[in-house]
Amino acid sequence: MPRFEFDLDLSPEEFLAWYRGEARSVRVRSHQGLVVEFPARLLQPYLRPEGIRGRFVLTCDAQFRNARLDRLHPPLGTAPGL
């Protein structure tokens, strides 16, 4: 299964485009140097008042479908359960 790790630091304002329907996907550069695009809806569980911050891993099947997003490391200064 393909696996892509990346760091993300989005302010709440930057994520507003998804809520407004202006953006459907997010494009990031993985630690492997690849540009990866995935549905913005996968980030919704990680949205906090301060935005979305942390190290994430995106996994998908061999056809690059059925994407799953997990946070590996929460941002510094937050409780592990957040």
N, C-alpha and C. Protein backbone atom coordinates (compact mmCIF):
# COMPACT_ATOMS: atom_id res chain seq x y z
N MET A 1 0.84 -1.18 0.00
CA MET A 1 0.00 0.00 0.00
C MET A 1 0.88 1.24 0.00
N PRO A 2 0.63 2.17 -0.92
CA PRO A 2 1.38 3.42 -0.91
C PRO A 2 1.16 4.20 0.38
N ARG A 3 2.22 4.82 0.87
CA ARG A 3 2.18 5.56 2.12
C ARG A 3 2.99 6.84 1.93
N PHE A 4 2.38 7.96 2.30
CA PHE A 4 3.02 9.27 2.11
C PHE A 4 2.97 10.04 3.42
N GLU A 5 4.12 10.39 3.96
CA GLU A 5 4.19 11.19 5.19
C GLU A 5 4.45 12.64 4.83
N PHE A 6 3.82 13.54 5.61
CA PHE A 6 4.03 14.97 5.39
C PHE A 6 3.67 15.73 6.65
N ASP A 7 4.19 16.95 6.76
CA ASP A 7 3.85 17.86 7.84
C ASP A 7 2.85 18.87 7.29
N LEU A 8 1.95 19.30 8.16
CA LEU A 8 0.94 20.25 7.73
C LEU A 8 0.77 21.32 8.80
N ASP A 9 0.62 22.55 8.35
CA ASP A 9 0.39 23.68 9.25
C ASP A 9 -0.57 24.64 8.54
N LEU A 10 -1.86 24.39 8.70
CA LEU A 10 -2.90 25.20 8.07
C LEU A 10 -3.62 26.04 9.12
N SER A 11 -3.79 27.30 8.84
CA SER A 11 -4.59 28.15 9.74
C SER A 11 -6.06 27.85 9.48
N PRO A 12 -6.93 28.23 10.43
CA PRO A 12 -8.37 28.03 10.18
C PRO A 12 -8.84 28.76 8.92
N GLU A 13 -8.27 29.92 8.65
CA GLU A 13 -8.65 30.69 7.47
C GLU A 13 -8.28 29.95 6.19
N GLU A 14 -7.14 29.28 6.18
CA GLU A 14 -6.73 28.53 5.00
C GLU A 14 -7.67 27.35 4.73
N PHE A 15 -8.24 26.79 5.78
CA PHE A 15 -9.15 25.66 5.60
C PHE A 15 -10.57 26.10 5.26
N LEU A 16 -10.86 27.39 5.40
CA LEU A 16 -12.20 27.92 5.09
C LEU A 16 -12.62 27.66 3.65
N ALA A 17 -11.68 27.64 2.73
CA ALA A 17 -12.01 27.41 1.32
C ALA A 17 -12.75 26.09 1.15
N TRP A 18 -12.41 25.09 1.94
CA TRP A 18 -13.09 23.80 1.85
C TRP A 18 -14.53 23.96 2.35
N TYR A 19 -14.72 24.63 3.47
CA TYR A 19 -16.06 24.83 4.00
C TYR A 19 -16.95 25.62 3.04
N ARG A 20 -16.36 26.56 2.34
CA ARG A 20 -17.12 27.37 1.39
C ARG A 20 -17.39 26.63 0.08
N GLY A 21 -16.78 25.47 -0.11
CA GLY A 21 -16.94 24.72 -1.34
C GLY A 21 -16.03 25.19 -2.45
N GLU A 22 -15.06 26.04 -2.12
CA GLU A 22 -14.13 26.56 -3.11
C GLU A 22 -12.99 25.59 -3.39
N ALA A 23 -12.74 24.68 -2.48
CA ALA A 23 -11.64 23.72 -2.64
C ALA A 23 -12.15 22.34 -2.27
N ARG A 24 -11.78 21.36 -3.06
CA ARG A 24 -12.19 20.00 -2.78
C ARG A 24 -11.01 19.12 -2.40
N SER A 25 -9.81 19.59 -2.72
CA SER A 25 -8.63 18.77 -2.44
C SER A 25 -7.51 19.61 -1.85
N VAL A 26 -6.56 18.90 -1.27
CA VAL A 26 -5.37 19.52 -0.67
C VAL A 26 -4.16 18.91 -1.35
N ARG A 27 -3.19 19.73 -1.66
CA ARG A 27 -1.96 19.27 -2.29
C ARG A 27 -0.80 19.56 -1.35
N VAL A 28 0.00 18.53 -1.07
CA VAL A 28 1.15 18.66 -0.17
C VAL A 28 2.37 18.00 -0.80
N ARG A 29 3.54 18.34 -0.28
CA ARG A 29 4.77 17.65 -0.69
C ARG A 29 5.14 16.69 0.44
N SER A 30 5.23 15.41 0.10
CA SER A 30 5.55 14.39 1.09
C SER A 30 7.03 14.47 1.47
N HIS A 31 7.38 13.82 2.56
CA HIS A 31 8.78 13.77 2.99
C HIS A 31 9.64 13.07 1.95
N GLN A 32 9.03 12.24 1.09
CA GLN A 32 9.74 11.56 0.02
C GLN A 32 9.97 12.47 -1.19
N GLY A 33 9.42 13.70 -1.13
CA GLY A 33 9.59 14.66 -2.21
C GLY A 33 8.51 14.61 -3.28
N LEU A 34 7.50 13.78 -3.11
CA LEU A 34 6.41 13.66 -4.08
C LEU A 34 5.28 14.63 -3.75
N VAL A 35 4.65 15.16 -4.77
CA VAL A 35 3.47 16.00 -4.57
C VAL A 35 2.27 15.06 -4.53
N VAL A 36 1.50 15.16 -3.45
CA VAL A 36 0.36 14.27 -3.22
C VAL A 36 -0.89 15.12 -3.08
N GLU A 37 -1.97 14.70 -3.73
CA GLU A 37 -3.25 15.40 -3.64
C GLU A 37 -4.28 14.43 -3.07
N PHE A 38 -5.09 14.93 -2.13
CA PHE A 38 -6.10 14.09 -1.51
C PHE A 38 -7.32 14.94 -1.16
N PRO A 39 -8.48 14.28 -0.94
CA PRO A 39 -9.70 15.04 -0.62
C PRO A 39 -9.56 15.82 0.69
N ALA A 40 -9.95 17.08 0.66
CA ALA A 40 -9.85 17.94 1.85
C ALA A 40 -10.71 17.42 3.00
N ARG A 41 -11.77 16.69 2.70
CA ARG A 41 -12.65 16.17 3.75
C ARG A 41 -11.90 15.26 4.72
N LEU A 42 -10.77 14.67 4.30
CA LEU A 42 -10.01 13.80 5.19
C LEU A 42 -9.38 14.57 6.34
N LEU A 43 -9.24 15.89 6.20
CA LEU A 43 -8.64 16.72 7.25
C LEU A 43 -9.64 17.16 8.31
N GLN A 44 -10.92 17.08 8.02
CA GLN A 44 -11.93 17.61 8.93
C GLN A 44 -11.81 17.11 10.36
N PRO A 45 -11.53 15.82 10.62
CA PRO A 45 -11.43 15.37 12.01
C PRO A 45 -10.27 16.02 12.79
N TYR A 46 -9.33 16.61 12.07
CA TYR A 46 -8.15 17.18 12.73
C TYR A 46 -8.22 18.69 12.88
N LEU A 47 -9.32 19.31 12.44
CA LEU A 47 -9.46 20.76 12.53
C LEU A 47 -9.72 21.18 13.97
N ARG A 48 -8.92 22.10 14.45
CA ARG A 48 -9.03 22.66 15.79
C ARG A 48 -9.14 24.18 15.66
N PRO A 49 -9.48 24.88 16.72
CA PRO A 49 -9.58 26.34 16.64
C PRO A 49 -8.29 27.00 16.11
N GLU A 50 -7.15 26.40 16.38
CA GLU A 50 -5.88 26.96 15.91
C GLU A 50 -5.51 26.49 14.51
N GLY A 51 -6.33 25.65 13.90
CA GLY A 51 -6.07 25.17 12.55
C GLY A 51 -5.77 23.68 12.54
N ILE A 52 -4.99 23.26 11.57
CA ILE A 52 -4.59 21.86 11.44
C ILE A 52 -3.07 21.82 11.40
N ARG A 53 -2.49 21.18 12.42
CA ARG A 53 -1.03 21.14 12.52
C ARG A 53 -0.60 19.74 12.96
N GLY A 54 0.52 19.30 12.42
CA GLY A 54 1.08 18.02 12.84
C GLY A 54 1.70 17.27 11.69
N ARG A 55 2.16 16.07 11.98
CA ARG A 55 2.72 15.16 10.97
C ARG A 55 1.66 14.11 10.68
N PHE A 56 1.42 13.90 9.39
CA PHE A 56 0.35 13.01 8.94
C PHE A 56 0.91 11.94 8.01
N VAL A 57 0.14 10.87 7.89
CA VAL A 57 0.46 9.84 6.90
C VAL A 57 -0.82 9.54 6.12
N LEU A 58 -0.69 9.55 4.80
CA LEU A 58 -1.78 9.21 3.90
C LEU A 58 -1.48 7.84 3.32
N THR A 59 -2.40 6.91 3.48
CA THR A 59 -2.25 5.58 2.89
C THR A 59 -3.42 5.35 1.94
N CYS A 60 -3.17 4.55 0.92
CA CYS A 60 -4.22 4.23 -0.05
C CYS A 60 -3.93 2.86 -0.65
N ASP A 61 -4.86 2.37 -1.45
CA ASP A 61 -4.66 1.06 -2.05
C ASP A 61 -3.74 1.18 -3.27
N ALA A 62 -3.47 0.06 -3.92
CA ALA A 62 -2.54 0.04 -5.05
C ALA A 62 -2.99 0.91 -6.22
N GLN A 63 -4.30 1.17 -6.31
CA GLN A 63 -4.84 2.03 -7.37
C GLN A 63 -4.93 3.49 -6.93
N PHE A 64 -4.32 3.81 -5.78
CA PHE A 64 -4.33 5.16 -5.21
C PHE A 64 -5.75 5.63 -4.90
N ARG A 65 -6.58 4.72 -4.42
CA ARG A 65 -7.96 5.02 -4.02
C ARG A 65 -8.13 4.62 -2.56
N ASN A 66 -9.30 4.89 -2.02
CA ASN A 66 -9.61 4.55 -0.63
C ASN A 66 -8.58 5.13 0.34
N ALA A 67 -8.33 6.42 0.19
CA ALA A 67 -7.33 7.10 1.01
C ALA A 67 -7.75 7.16 2.47
N ARG A 68 -6.75 7.03 3.32
CA ARG A 68 -6.95 7.15 4.77
C ARG A 68 -5.87 8.09 5.30
N LEU A 69 -6.27 9.00 6.18
CA LEU A 69 -5.34 9.97 6.74
C LEU A 69 -5.27 9.79 8.25
N ASP A 70 -4.05 9.68 8.77
CA ASP A 70 -3.83 9.56 10.21
C ASP A 70 -2.77 10.56 10.64
N ARG A 71 -2.97 11.14 11.82
CA ARG A 71 -1.94 12.03 12.37
C ARG A 71 -0.96 11.19 13.14
N LEU A 72 0.33 11.35 12.83
CA LEU A 72 1.37 10.62 13.52
C LEU A 72 1.82 11.33 14.78
N HIS A 73 2.00 12.65 14.67
CA HIS A 73 2.49 13.44 15.80
C HIS A 73 1.64 14.69 15.93
N PRO A 74 0.97 14.86 17.06
CA PRO A 74 0.24 16.12 17.24
C PRO A 74 1.25 17.27 17.37
N PRO A 75 0.82 18.48 17.11
CA PRO A 75 1.73 19.62 17.26
C PRO A 75 2.17 19.78 18.70
N LEU A 76 3.32 20.36 18.88
CA LEU A 76 3.86 20.60 20.21
C LEU A 76 2.91 21.47 21.01
N GLY A 77 2.78 21.16 22.28
CA GLY A 77 1.95 21.99 23.16
C GLY A 77 0.49 21.57 23.20
N THR A 78 0.16 20.42 22.58
CA THR A 78 -1.22 19.94 22.66
C THR A 78 -1.25 18.60 23.35
N ALA A 79 -2.38 18.31 23.92
CA ALA A 79 -2.54 17.03 24.62
C ALA A 79 -2.65 15.90 23.60
N PRO A 80 -2.15 14.71 23.89
CA PRO A 80 -2.17 13.60 22.93
C PRO A 80 -3.55 13.23 22.44
N GLY A 81 -4.58 13.40 23.22
CA GLY A 81 -5.92 13.03 22.80
C GLY A 81 -6.57 14.02 21.85
N LEU A 82 -5.95 15.13 21.57
CA LEU A 82 -6.55 16.16 20.70
C LEU A 82 -6.23 15.92 19.28
